[in-house]
Amino acid sequence: MSQWTVLSLFSKMVHSLLYRSPDGNGGLYWALKNENVLANMIERGVKYLHVFCVDNVLVKVADPLFMGYCIGKGAEAGNKVKQIFIFS
């Protein structure tokens, strides 16, 4: 896992400290496997997982309607997208 300085929206260091952050969106999946997080969740009987990227400001965390739809359809994975219109 890489270490990056976590910055606030105004590019100021948060609490003036160095925090550990995932090394991009793919860092999460590495950590799930290599830090035994996935094995631990399986051991505890976790069936479903909602994963999103921190840079997705429009995400509805653990959206029950979307998760219920995916579970009801027996989907292994689901992806929700939103069309964005840019007016110039």
PDB file of N, CA and C in Angstrom:
ATOM      1  N   MET A   1       0.841  -1.166   0.000  1.00  0.00           N
ATOM      2  CA  MET A   1       0.000   0.000   0.000  1.00  0.00           C
ATOM      3  C   MET A   1       0.892   1.236   0.000  1.00  0.00           C
ATOM      4  N   SER A   2       0.580   2.160  -0.845  1.00  0.00           N
ATOM      5  CA  SER A   2       1.361   3.392  -0.940  1.00  0.00           C
ATOM      6  C   SER A   2       0.910   4.390   0.115  1.00  0.00           C
ATOM      7  N   GLN A   3       1.773   5.294   0.437  1.00  0.00           N
ATOM      8  CA  GLN A   3       1.402   6.374   1.350  1.00  0.00           C
ATOM      9  C   GLN A   3       1.345   7.668   0.566  1.00  0.00           C
ATOM     10  N   TRP A   4       0.270   8.373   0.733  1.00  0.00           N
ATOM     11  CA  TRP A   4       0.077   9.651   0.062  1.00  0.00           C
ATOM     12  C   TRP A   4      -0.371  10.657   1.103  1.00  0.00           C
ATOM     13  N   THR A   5      -0.072  11.880   0.889  1.00  0.00           N
ATOM     14  CA  THR A   5      -0.570  12.916   1.772  1.00  0.00           C
ATOM     15  C   THR A   5      -2.025  13.185   1.409  1.00  0.00           C
ATOM     16  N   VAL A   6      -2.896  13.013   2.371  1.00  0.00           N
ATOM     17  CA  VAL A   6      -4.317  13.220   2.129  1.00  0.00           C
ATOM     18  C   VAL A   6      -4.604  14.716   2.239  1.00  0.00           C
ATOM     19  N   LEU A   7      -5.154  15.261   1.186  1.00  0.00           N
ATOM     20  CA  LEU A   7      -5.390  16.698   1.134  1.00  0.00           C
ATOM     21  C   LEU A   7      -6.873  17.004   1.238  1.00  0.00           C
ATOM     22  N   SER A   8      -7.199  18.113   1.830  1.00  0.00           N
ATOM     23  CA  SER A   8      -8.586  18.554   1.885  1.00  0.00           C
ATOM     24  C   SER A   8      -8.968  19.142   0.539  1.00  0.00           C
ATOM     25  N   LEU A   9     -10.224  19.536   0.402  1.00  0.00           N
ATOM     26  CA  LEU A   9     -10.693  20.112  -0.853  1.00  0.00           C
ATOM     27  C   LEU A   9      -9.913  21.357  -1.228  1.00  0.00           C
ATOM     28  N   PHE A  10      -9.367  22.030  -0.272  1.00  0.00           N
ATOM     29  CA  PHE A  10      -8.647  23.276  -0.522  1.00  0.00           C
ATOM     30  C   PHE A  10      -7.136  23.048  -0.566  1.00  0.00           C
ATOM     31  N   SER A  11      -6.751  21.812  -0.814  1.00  0.00           N
ATOM     32  CA  SER A  11      -5.345  21.431  -0.959  1.00  0.00           C
ATOM     33  C   SER A  11      -4.509  21.735   0.277  1.00  0.00           C
ATOM     34  N   LYS A  12      -5.128  21.723   1.420  1.00  0.00           N
ATOM     35  CA  LYS A  12      -4.383  21.874   2.673  1.00  0.00           C
ATOM     36  C   LYS A  12      -4.256  20.491   3.296  1.00  0.00           C
ATOM     37  N   MET A  13      -3.166  20.229   3.915  1.00  0.00           N
ATOM     38  CA  MET A  13      -3.002  18.923   4.541  1.00  0.00           C
ATOM     39  C   MET A  13      -3.975  18.777   5.695  1.00  0.00           C
ATOM     40  N   VAL A  14      -4.691  17.656   5.707  1.00  0.00           N
ATOM     41  CA  VAL A  14      -5.647  17.368   6.762  1.00  0.00           C
ATOM     42  C   VAL A  14      -4.871  17.045   8.027  1.00  0.00           C
ATOM     43  N   HIS A  15      -5.089  17.825   9.037  1.00  0.00           N
ATOM     44  CA  HIS A  15      -4.428  17.679  10.340  1.00  0.00           C
ATOM     45  C   HIS A  15      -2.899  17.705  10.238  1.00  0.00           C
ATOM     46  N   SER A  16      -2.401  18.145   9.104  1.00  0.00           N
ATOM     47  CA  SER A  16      -0.960  18.251   8.864  1.00  0.00           C
ATOM     48  C   SER A  16      -0.217  16.940   9.129  1.00  0.00           C
ATOM     49  N   LEU A  17      -0.861  15.833   8.845  1.00  0.00           N
ATOM     50  CA  LEU A  17      -0.240  14.524   9.058  1.00  0.00           C
ATOM     51  C   LEU A  17      -0.253  13.721   7.779  1.00  0.00           C
ATOM     52  N   LEU A  18       0.582  12.706   7.729  1.00  0.00           N
ATOM     53  CA  LEU A  18       0.596  11.774   6.612  1.00  0.00           C
ATOM     54  C   LEU A  18      -0.300  10.599   6.982  1.00  0.00           C
ATOM     55  N   TYR A  19      -1.313  10.356   6.148  1.00  0.00           N
ATOM     56  CA  TYR A  19      -2.238   9.247   6.374  1.00  0.00           C
ATOM     57  C   TYR A  19      -2.001   8.174   5.332  1.00  0.00           C
ATOM     58  N   ARG A  20      -2.397   6.967   5.657  1.00  0.00           N
ATOM     59  CA  ARG A  20      -2.319   5.877   4.684  1.00  0.00           C
ATOM     60  C   ARG A  20      -3.586   5.899   3.844  1.00  0.00           C
ATOM     61  N   SER A  21      -3.412   5.867   2.555  1.00  0.00           N
ATOM     62  CA  SER A  21      -4.528   5.838   1.622  1.00  0.00           C
ATOM     63  C   SER A  21      -4.306   4.708   0.636  1.00  0.00           C
ATOM     64  N   PRO A  22      -5.398   4.100   0.147  1.00  0.00           N
ATOM     65  CA  PRO A  22      -5.207   3.069  -0.868  1.00  0.00           C
ATOM     66  C   PRO A  22      -4.482   3.646  -2.078  1.00  0.00           C
ATOM     67  N   ASP A  23      -3.682   2.828  -2.706  1.00  0.00           N
ATOM     68  CA  ASP A  23      -2.923   3.271  -3.878  1.00  0.00           C
ATOM     69  C   ASP A  23      -3.794   3.185  -5.127  1.00  0.00           C
ATOM     70  N   GLY A  24      -4.789   4.007  -5.173  1.00  0.00           N
ATOM     71  CA  GLY A  24      -5.725   4.003  -6.289  1.00  0.00           C
ATOM     72  C   GLY A  24      -6.877   3.061  -5.989  1.00  0.00           C
ATOM     73  N   ASN A  25      -7.823   3.032  -6.904  1.00  0.00           N
ATOM     74  CA  ASN A  25      -9.008   2.211  -6.677  1.00  0.00           C
ATOM     75  C   ASN A  25      -8.675   0.735  -6.579  1.00  0.00           C
ATOM     76  N   GLY A  26      -7.659   0.280  -7.302  1.00  0.00           N
ATOM     77  CA  GLY A  26      -7.272  -1.127  -7.271  1.00  0.00           C
ATOM     78  C   GLY A  26      -6.631  -1.553  -5.964  1.00  0.00           C
ATOM     79  N   GLY A  27      -6.132  -0.616  -5.178  1.00  0.00           N
ATOM     80  CA  GLY A  27      -5.505  -0.944  -3.904  1.00  0.00           C
ATOM     81  C   GLY A  27      -6.455  -1.632  -2.943  1.00  0.00           C
ATOM     82  N   LEU A  28      -7.720  -1.331  -3.066  1.00  0.00           N
ATOM     83  CA  LEU A  28      -8.729  -1.952  -2.204  1.00  0.00           C
ATOM     84  C   LEU A  28      -8.750  -3.463  -2.408  1.00  0.00           C
ATOM     85  N   TYR A  29      -8.721  -3.891  -3.652  1.00  0.00           N
ATOM     86  CA  TYR A  29      -8.823  -5.316  -3.949  1.00  0.00           C
ATOM     87  C   TYR A  29      -7.576  -6.068  -3.493  1.00  0.00           C
ATOM     88  N   TRP A  30      -6.422  -5.441  -3.611  1.00  0.00           N
ATOM     89  CA  TRP A  30      -5.191  -6.027  -3.098  1.00  0.00           C
ATOM     90  C   TRP A  30      -5.311  -6.226  -1.586  1.00  0.00           C
ATOM     91  N   ALA A  31      -5.807  -5.210  -0.907  1.00  0.00           N
ATOM     92  CA  ALA A  31      -5.919  -5.278   0.549  1.00  0.00           C
ATOM     93  C   ALA A  31      -6.933  -6.332   0.985  1.00  0.00           C
ATOM     94  N   LEU A  32      -8.039  -6.449   0.264  1.00  0.00           N
ATOM     95  CA  LEU A  32      -9.030  -7.472   0.617  1.00  0.00           C
ATOM     96  C   LEU A  32      -8.406  -8.857   0.646  1.00  0.00           C
ATOM     97  N   LYS A  33      -7.546  -9.134  -0.314  1.00  0.00           N
ATOM     98  CA  LYS A  33      -6.926 -10.453  -0.385  1.00  0.00           C
ATOM     99  C   LYS A  33      -5.726 -10.573   0.545  1.00  0.00           C
ATOM    100  N   ASN A  34      -4.797  -9.642   0.440  1.00  0.00           N
ATOM    101  CA  ASN A  34      -3.509  -9.780   1.119  1.00  0.00           C
ATOM    102  C   ASN A  34      -3.517  -9.427   2.598  1.00  0.00           C
ATOM    103  N   GLU A  35      -4.537  -8.741   3.050  1.00  0.00           N
ATOM    104  CA  GLU A  35      -4.645  -8.434   4.480  1.00  0.00           C
ATOM    105  C   GLU A  35      -5.679  -9.334   5.162  1.00  0.00           C
ATOM    106  N   ASN A  36      -6.095 -10.369   4.444  1.00  0.00           N
ATOM    107  CA  ASN A  36      -7.047 -11.369   4.954  1.00  0.00           C
ATOM    108  C   ASN A  36      -8.414 -10.802   5.306  1.00  0.00           C
ATOM    109  N   VAL A  37      -8.754  -9.662   4.759  1.00  0.00           N
ATOM    110  CA  VAL A  37     -10.062  -9.061   5.018  1.00  0.00           C
ATOM    111  C   VAL A  37     -11.166  -9.907   4.399  1.00  0.00           C
ATOM    112  N   LEU A  38     -10.974 -10.340   3.167  1.00  0.00           N
ATOM    113  CA  LEU A  38     -11.972 -11.147   2.483  1.00  0.00           C
ATOM    114  C   LEU A  38     -12.201 -12.472   3.219  1.00  0.00           C
ATOM    115  N   ALA A  39     -11.131 -13.126   3.628  1.00  0.00           N
ATOM    116  CA  ALA A  39     -11.254 -14.383   4.373  1.00  0.00           C
ATOM    117  C   ALA A  39     -12.012 -14.164   5.675  1.00  0.00           C
ATOM    118  N   ASN A  40     -11.738 -13.056   6.336  1.00  0.00           N
ATOM    119  CA  ASN A  40     -12.423 -12.735   7.584  1.00  0.00           C
ATOM    120  C   ASN A  40     -13.919 -12.511   7.356  1.00  0.00           C
ATOM    121  N   MET A  41     -14.264 -11.816   6.268  1.00  0.00           N
ATOM    122  CA  MET A  41     -15.679 -11.581   5.970  1.00  0.00           C
ATOM    123  C   MET A  41     -16.393 -12.893   5.664  1.00  0.00           C
ATOM    124  N   ILE A  42     -15.750 -13.783   4.921  1.00  0.00           N
ATOM    125  CA  ILE A  42     -16.343 -15.083   4.614  1.00  0.00           C
ATOM    126  C   ILE A  42     -16.554 -15.879   5.891  1.00  0.00           C
ATOM    127  N   GLU A  43     -15.556 -15.854   6.770  1.00  0.00           N
ATOM    128  CA  GLU A  43     -15.646 -16.556   8.053  1.00  0.00           C
ATOM    129  C   GLU A  43     -16.813 -16.046   8.896  1.00  0.00           C
ATOM    130  N   ARG A  44     -17.092 -14.745   8.803  1.00  0.00           N
ATOM    131  CA  ARG A  44     -18.191 -14.146   9.584  1.00  0.00           C
ATOM    132  C   ARG A  44     -19.541 -14.233   8.876  1.00  0.00           C
ATOM    133  N   GLY A  45     -19.560 -14.824   7.691  1.00  0.00           N
ATOM    134  CA  GLY A  45     -20.823 -15.028   6.989  1.00  0.00           C
ATOM    135  C   GLY A  45     -21.303 -13.838   6.180  1.00  0.00           C
ATOM    136  N   VAL A  46     -20.410 -12.899   5.874  1.00  0.00           N
ATOM    137  CA  VAL A  46     -20.790 -11.751   5.056  1.00  0.00           C
ATOM    138  C   VAL A  46     -21.082 -12.249   3.648  1.00  0.00           C
ATOM    139  N   LYS A  47     -22.260 -11.911   3.133  1.00  0.00           N
ATOM    140  CA  LYS A  47     -22.664 -12.386   1.807  1.00  0.00           C
ATOM    141  C   LYS A  47     -22.518 -11.319   0.733  1.00  0.00           C
ATOM    142  N   TYR A  48     -22.695 -10.076   1.111  1.00  0.00           N
ATOM    143  CA  TYR A  48     -22.733  -9.011   0.117  1.00  0.00           C
ATOM    144  C   TYR A  48     -21.805  -7.878   0.531  1.00  0.00           C
ATOM    145  N   LEU A  49     -21.266  -7.210  -0.468  1.00  0.00           N
ATOM    146  CA  LEU A  49     -20.327  -6.124  -0.224  1.00  0.00           C
ATOM    147  C   LEU A  49     -20.603  -5.003  -1.212  1.00  0.00           C
ATOM    148  N   HIS A  50     -20.701  -3.794  -0.707  1.00  0.00           N
ATOM    149  CA  HIS A  50     -20.868  -2.625  -1.579  1.00  0.00           C
ATOM    150  C   HIS A  50     -19.537  -1.894  -1.608  1.00  0.00           C
ATOM    151  N   VAL A  51     -18.952  -1.814  -2.790  1.00  0.00           N
ATOM    152  CA  VAL A  51     -17.651  -1.179  -2.953  1.00  0.00           C
ATOM    153  C   VAL A  51     -17.811   0.002  -3.893  1.00  0.00           C
ATOM    154  N   PHE A  52     -17.224   1.125  -3.515  1.00  0.00           N
ATOM    155  CA  PHE A  52     -17.234   2.294  -4.390  1.00  0.00           C
ATOM    156  C   PHE A  52     -15.935   3.044  -4.194  1.00  0.00           C
ATOM    157  N   CYS A  53     -15.644   3.906  -5.125  1.00  0.00           N
ATOM    158  CA  CYS A  53     -14.394   4.660  -5.075  1.00  0.00           C
ATOM    159  C   CYS A  53     -14.619   6.013  -4.401  1.00  0.00           C
ATOM    160  N   VAL A  54     -13.658   6.441  -3.659  1.00  0.00           N
ATOM    161  CA  VAL A  54     -13.779   7.666  -2.886  1.00  0.00           C
ATOM    162  C   VAL A  54     -13.977   8.886  -3.778  1.00  0.00           C
ATOM    163  N   ASP A  55     -13.539   8.794  -5.027  1.00  0.00           N
ATOM    164  CA  ASP A  55     -13.687   9.941  -5.913  1.00  0.00           C
ATOM    165  C   ASP A  55     -15.050   9.991  -6.597  1.00  0.00           C
ATOM    166  N   ASN A  56     -15.952   9.112  -6.213  1.00  0.00           N
ATOM    167  CA  ASN A  56     -17.305   9.113  -6.763  1.00  0.00           C
ATOM    168  C   ASN A  56     -18.224   9.865  -5.795  1.00  0.00           C
ATOM    169  N   VAL A  57     -18.364  11.158  -6.016  1.00  0.00           N
ATOM    170  CA  VAL A  57     -19.133  11.992  -5.089  1.00  0.00           C
ATOM    171  C   VAL A  57     -20.630  11.778  -5.221  1.00  0.00           C
ATOM    172  N   LEU A  58     -21.081  11.127  -6.282  1.00  0.00           N
ATOM    173  CA  LEU A  58     -22.510  10.929  -6.501  1.00  0.00           C
ATOM    174  C   LEU A  58     -23.032   9.602  -5.962  1.00  0.00           C
ATOM    175  N   VAL A  59     -22.149   8.767  -5.434  1.00  0.00           N
ATOM    176  CA  VAL A  59     -22.563   7.442  -4.986  1.00  0.00           C
ATOM    177  C   VAL A  59     -23.500   7.533  -3.781  1.00  0.00           C
ATOM    178  N   LYS A  60     -24.500   6.683  -3.777  1.00  0.00           N
ATOM    179  CA  LYS A  60     -25.376   6.531  -2.605  1.00  0.00           C
ATOM    180  C   LYS A  60     -24.864   5.287  -1.885  1.00  0.00           C
ATOM    181  N   VAL A  61     -24.184   5.487  -0.785  1.00  0.00           N
ATOM    182  CA  VAL A  61     -23.518   4.393  -0.082  1.00  0.00           C
ATOM    183  C   VAL A  61     -24.537   3.348   0.355  1.00  0.00           C
ATOM    184  N   ALA A  62     -24.234   2.097   0.009  1.00  0.00           N
ATOM    185  CA  ALA A  62     -25.081   0.947   0.357  1.00  0.00           C
ATOM    186  C   ALA A  62     -26.534   1.190  -0.054  1.00  0.00           C
ATOM    187  N   ASP A  63     -26.741   1.705  -1.250  1.00  0.00           N
ATOM    188  CA  ASP A  63     -28.074   1.987  -1.790  1.00  0.00           C
ATOM    189  C   ASP A  63     -28.935   0.730  -1.689  1.00  0.00           C
ATOM    190  N   PRO A  64     -29.928   0.721  -0.794  1.00  0.00           N
ATOM    191  CA  PRO A  64     -30.700  -0.511  -0.568  1.00  0.00           C
ATOM    192  C   PRO A  64     -31.507  -0.941  -1.794  1.00  0.00           C
ATOM    193  N   LEU A  65     -31.982   0.003  -2.590  1.00  0.00           N
ATOM    194  CA  LEU A  65     -32.748  -0.351  -3.778  1.00  0.00           C
ATOM    195  C   LEU A  65     -31.851  -1.044  -4.808  1.00  0.00           C
ATOM    196  N   PHE A  66     -30.683  -0.463  -5.048  1.00  0.00           N
ATOM    197  CA  PHE A  66     -29.755  -1.043  -6.019  1.00  0.00           C
ATOM    198  C   PHE A  66     -29.211  -2.381  -5.538  1.00  0.00           C
ATOM    199  N   MET A  67     -28.819  -2.444  -4.274  1.00  0.00           N
ATOM    200  CA  MET A  67     -28.291  -3.705  -3.749  1.00  0.00           C
ATOM    201  C   MET A  67     -29.369  -4.788  -3.770  1.00  0.00           C
ATOM    202  N   GLY A  68     -30.592  -4.428  -3.400  1.00  0.00           N
ATOM    203  CA  GLY A  68     -31.696  -5.392  -3.430  1.00  0.00           C
ATOM    204  C   GLY A  68     -31.971  -5.891  -4.840  1.00  0.00           C
ATOM    205  N   TYR A  69     -31.884  -4.990  -5.810  1.00  0.00           N
ATOM    206  CA  TYR A  69     -32.076  -5.375  -7.206  1.00  0.00           C
ATOM    207  C   TYR A  69     -31.011  -6.391  -7.625  1.00  0.00           C
ATOM    208  N   CYS A  70     -29.751  -6.096  -7.329  1.00  0.00           N
ATOM    209  CA  CYS A  70     -28.655  -6.999  -7.702  1.00  0.00           C
ATOM    210  C   CYS A  70     -28.801  -8.354  -7.021  1.00  0.00           C
ATOM    211  N   ILE A  71     -29.133  -8.337  -5.738  1.00  0.00           N
ATOM    212  CA  ILE A  71     -29.297  -9.588  -4.989  1.00  0.00           C
ATOM    213  C   ILE A  71     -30.470 -10.380  -5.553  1.00  0.00           C
ATOM    214  N   GLY A  72     -31.574  -9.676  -5.826  1.00  0.00           N
ATOM    215  CA  GLY A  72     -32.766 -10.329  -6.373  1.00  0.00           C
ATOM    216  C   GLY A  72     -32.538 -10.955  -7.736  1.00  0.00           C
ATOM    217  N   LYS A  73     -31.662 -10.365  -8.521  1.00  0.00           N
ATOM    218  CA  LYS A  73     -31.337 -10.896  -9.843  1.00  0.00           C
ATOM    219  C   LYS A  73     -30.247 -11.967  -9.787  1.00  0.00           C
ATOM    220  N   GLY A  74     -29.679 -12.187  -8.611  1.00  0.00           N
ATOM    221  CA  GLY A  74     -28.611 -13.174  -8.474  1.00  0.00           C
ATOM    222  C   GLY A  74     -27.322 -12.746  -9.159  1.00  0.00           C
ATOM    223  N   ALA A  75     -27.124 -11.452  -9.272  1.00  0.00           N
ATOM    224  CA  ALA A  75     -25.939 -10.921  -9.960  1.00  0.00           C
ATOM    225  C   ALA A  75     -24.687 -11.126  -9.119  1.00  0.00           C
ATOM    226  N   GLU A  76     -23.591 -11.469  -9.763  1.00  0.00           N
ATOM    227  CA  GLU A  76     -22.310 -11.552  -9.069  1.00  0.00           C
ATOM    228  C   GLU A  76     -21.746 -10.168  -8.816  1.00  0.00           C
ATOM    229  N   ALA A  77     -22.102  -9.236  -9.688  1.00  0.00           N
ATOM    230  CA  ALA A  77     -21.629  -7.861  -9.558  1.00  0.00           C
ATOM    231  C   ALA A  77     -22.639  -6.941 -10.231  1.00  0.00           C
ATOM    232  N   GLY A  78     -22.682  -5.707  -9.784  1.00  0.00           N
ATOM    233  CA  GLY A  78     -23.560  -4.718 -10.392  1.00  0.00           C
ATOM    234  C   GLY A  78     -22.802  -3.419 -10.581  1.00  0.00           C
ATOM    235  N   ASN A  79     -23.222  -2.645 -11.556  1.00  0.00           N
ATOM    236  CA  ASN A  79     -22.584  -1.365 -11.820  1.00  0.00           C
ATOM    237  C   ASN A  79     -23.669  -0.344 -12.102  1.00  0.00           C
ATOM    238  N   LYS A  80     -23.648   0.744 -11.392  1.00  0.00           N
ATOM    239  CA  LYS A  80     -24.648   1.782 -11.551  1.00  0.00           C
ATOM    240  C   LYS A  80     -23.953   3.013 -12.121  1.00  0.00           C
ATOM    241  N   VAL A  81     -24.503   3.552 -13.193  1.00  0.00           N
ATOM    242  CA  VAL A  81     -23.911   4.731 -13.814  1.00  0.00           C
ATOM    243  C   VAL A  81     -24.950   5.829 -13.924  1.00  0.00           C
ATOM    244  N   LYS A  82     -24.474   7.039 -14.039  1.00  0.00           N
ATOM    245  CA  LYS A  82     -25.358   8.194 -14.171  1.00  0.00           C
ATOM    246  C   LYS A  82     -24.849   9.021 -15.340  1.00  0.00           C
ATOM    247  N   GLN A  83     -25.769   9.361 -16.247  1.00  0.00           N
ATOM    248  CA  GLN A  83     -25.401  10.198 -17.376  1.00  0.00           C
ATOM    249  C   GLN A  83     -25.263  11.632 -16.894  1.00  0.00           C
ATOM    250  N   ILE A  84     -24.187  12.252 -17.282  1.00  0.00           N
ATOM    251  CA  ILE A  84     -23.916  13.627 -16.888  1.00  0.00           C
ATOM    252  C   ILE A  84     -23.952  14.499 -18.124  1.00  0.00           C
ATOM    253  N   PHE A  85     -24.695  15.577 -18.042  1.00  0.00           N
ATOM    254  CA  PHE A  85     -24.758  16.534 -19.145  1.00  0.00           C
ATOM    255  C   PHE A  85     -23.886  17.726 -18.815  1.00  0.00           C
ATOM    256  N   ILE A  86     -23.050  18.102 -19.747  1.00  0.00           N
ATOM    257  CA  ILE A  86     -22.182  19.265 -19.568  1.00  0.00           C
ATOM    258  C   ILE A  86     -22.662  20.345 -20.509  1.00  0.00           C
ATOM    259  N   PHE A  87     -23.069  21.435 -19.919  1.00  0.00           N
ATOM    260  CA  PHE A  87     -23.538  22.575 -20.712  1.00  0.00           C
ATOM    261  C   PHE A  87     -22.435  23.600 -20.814  1.00  0.00           C
ATOM    262  N   SER A  88     -22.229  24.106 -22.004  1.00  0.00           N
ATOM    263  CA  SER A  88     -21.169  25.108 -22.163  1.00  0.00           C
ATOM    264  C   SER A  88     -21.745  26.455 -22.507  1.00  0.00           C
TER     265      SER A  88
END
